[in-house]
C-alpha atoms as a PDB file:
ATOM      1  CA  MET A   1      29.304 -70.441   5.563  1.00  0.00           C
ATOM      2  CA  PHE A   2      27.335 -69.655   2.438  1.00  0.00           C
ATOM      3  CA  LYS A   3      24.159 -67.700   1.909  1.00  0.00           C
ATOM      4  CA  HIS A   4      21.115 -70.245   1.630  1.00  0.00           C
ATOM      5  CA  TYR A   5      19.600 -70.696  -1.725  1.00  0.00           C
ATOM      6  CA  ASN A   6      17.008 -72.967  -3.294  1.00  0.00           C
ATOM      7  CA  MET A   7      16.892 -73.574  -7.045  1.00  0.00           C
ATOM      8  CA  ASN A   8      13.514 -75.054  -6.774  1.00  0.00           C
ATOM      9  CA  GLN A   9      11.772 -72.076  -5.288  1.00  0.00           C
ATOM     10  CA  VAL A  10       8.741 -70.723  -6.715  1.00  0.00           C
ATOM     11  CA  VAL A  11       9.499 -67.655  -8.795  1.00  0.00           C
ATOM     12  CA  LEU A  12       7.127 -65.959 -11.317  1.00  0.00           C
ATOM     13  CA  PRO A  13       8.929 -65.232 -14.552  1.00  0.00           C
ATOM     14  CA  LEU A  14       8.937 -61.543 -15.611  1.00  0.00           C
ATOM     15  CA  ASP A  15       7.233 -62.441 -18.896  1.00  0.00           C
ATOM     16  CA  LEU A  16       4.629 -65.199 -18.556  1.00  0.00           C
ATOM     17  CA  GLU A  17       5.244 -66.142 -22.352  1.00  0.00           C
ATOM     18  CA  ILE A  18       8.709 -67.367 -21.502  1.00  0.00           C
ATOM     19  CA  LYS A  19       8.760 -71.043 -20.257  1.00  0.00           C
ATOM     20  CA  LEU A  20      11.525 -73.622 -20.340  1.00  0.00           C
ATOM     21  CA  ASP A  21      10.769 -76.907 -22.029  1.00  0.00           C
ATOM     22  CA  LYS A  22      11.354 -80.204 -20.040  1.00  0.00           C
ATOM     23  CA  ASP A  23      14.425 -80.929 -22.204  1.00  0.00           C
ATOM     24  CA  ASP A  24      16.002 -77.579 -21.974  1.00  0.00           C
ATOM     25  CA  MET A  25      19.828 -77.464 -21.415  1.00  0.00           C
ATOM     26  CA  ALA A  26      19.299 -75.501 -18.304  1.00  0.00           C
ATOM     27  CA  PHE A  27      18.008 -78.500 -16.423  1.00  0.00           C
ATOM     28  CA  VAL A  28      20.841 -80.681 -17.477  1.00  0.00           C
ATOM     29  CA  VAL A  29      23.372 -77.985 -16.447  1.00  0.00           C
ATOM     30  CA  ASN A  30      21.370 -77.712 -12.937  1.00  0.00           C
ATOM     31  CA  ASP A  31      21.543 -81.525 -12.393  1.00  0.00           C
ATOM     32  CA  LEU A  32      25.190 -81.542 -13.148  1.00  0.00           C
ATOM     33  CA  VAL A  33      26.026 -78.828 -10.889  1.00  0.00           C
ATOM     34  CA  GLU A  34      23.793 -80.390  -8.059  1.00  0.00           C
ATOM     35  CA  GLN A  35      25.808 -83.652  -8.338  1.00  0.00           C
ATOM     36  CA  ILE A  36      29.064 -82.130  -7.355  1.00  0.00           C
ATOM     37  CA  PRO A  37      29.731 -83.072  -3.728  1.00  0.00           C
ATOM     38  CA  GLU A  38      29.694 -80.406  -0.956  1.00  0.00           C
ATOM     39  CA  GLU A  39      33.322 -81.326  -0.027  1.00  0.00           C
ATOM     40  CA  ALA A  40      34.533 -79.962  -3.435  1.00  0.00           C
ATOM     41  CA  PHE A  41      33.696 -76.599  -2.128  1.00  0.00           C
ATOM     42  CA  ALA A  42      35.151 -76.752   1.419  1.00  0.00           C
ATOM     43  CA  SER A  43      38.209 -74.717   0.447  1.00  0.00           C
ATOM     44  CA  PHE A  44      35.897 -71.719  -0.365  1.00  0.00           C
ATOM     45  CA  SER A  45      34.304 -71.455   2.862  1.00  0.00           C
ATOM     46  CA  ARG A  46      35.254 -68.437   5.358  1.00  0.00           C
ATOM     47  CA  ASP A  47      34.265 -67.862   9.051  1.00  0.00           C
ATOM     48  CA  THR A  48      34.713 -64.157   8.810  1.00  0.00           C
ATOM     49  CA  GLY A  49      33.051 -61.412   6.876  1.00  0.00           C
ATOM     50  CA  CYS A  50      29.641 -61.422   5.093  1.00  0.00           C
ATOM     51  CA  PRO A  51      28.332 -64.805   3.955  1.00  0.00           C
ATOM     52  CA  ALA A  52      29.321 -65.396   0.346  1.00  0.00           C
ATOM     53  CA  TYR A  53      27.018 -66.906  -2.331  1.00  0.00           C
ATOM     54  CA  HIS A  54      27.339 -70.766  -2.664  1.00  0.00           C
ATOM     55  CA  PRO A  55      29.771 -71.624  -5.360  1.00  0.00           C
ATOM     56  CA  LYS A  56      27.147 -73.961  -6.861  1.00  0.00           C
ATOM     57  CA  MET A  57      24.885 -71.010  -7.423  1.00  0.00           C
ATOM     58  CA  MET A  58      27.786 -69.031  -9.012  1.00  0.00           C
ATOM     59  CA  MET A  59      28.177 -71.794 -11.424  1.00  0.00           C
END
């Protein structure tokens, strides 16, 4: 089991002057990572201990 995360949550930037353009590379990387099927991360799942961060989040 992994800790829950949501890349689309509303977060205020520390500096309101900093904004990403619609065509920024960060959005391309996010879309690419989100297309990876969940089955690819099955080997990272553990049933004991503290829940880990999801591998997609770490990428």
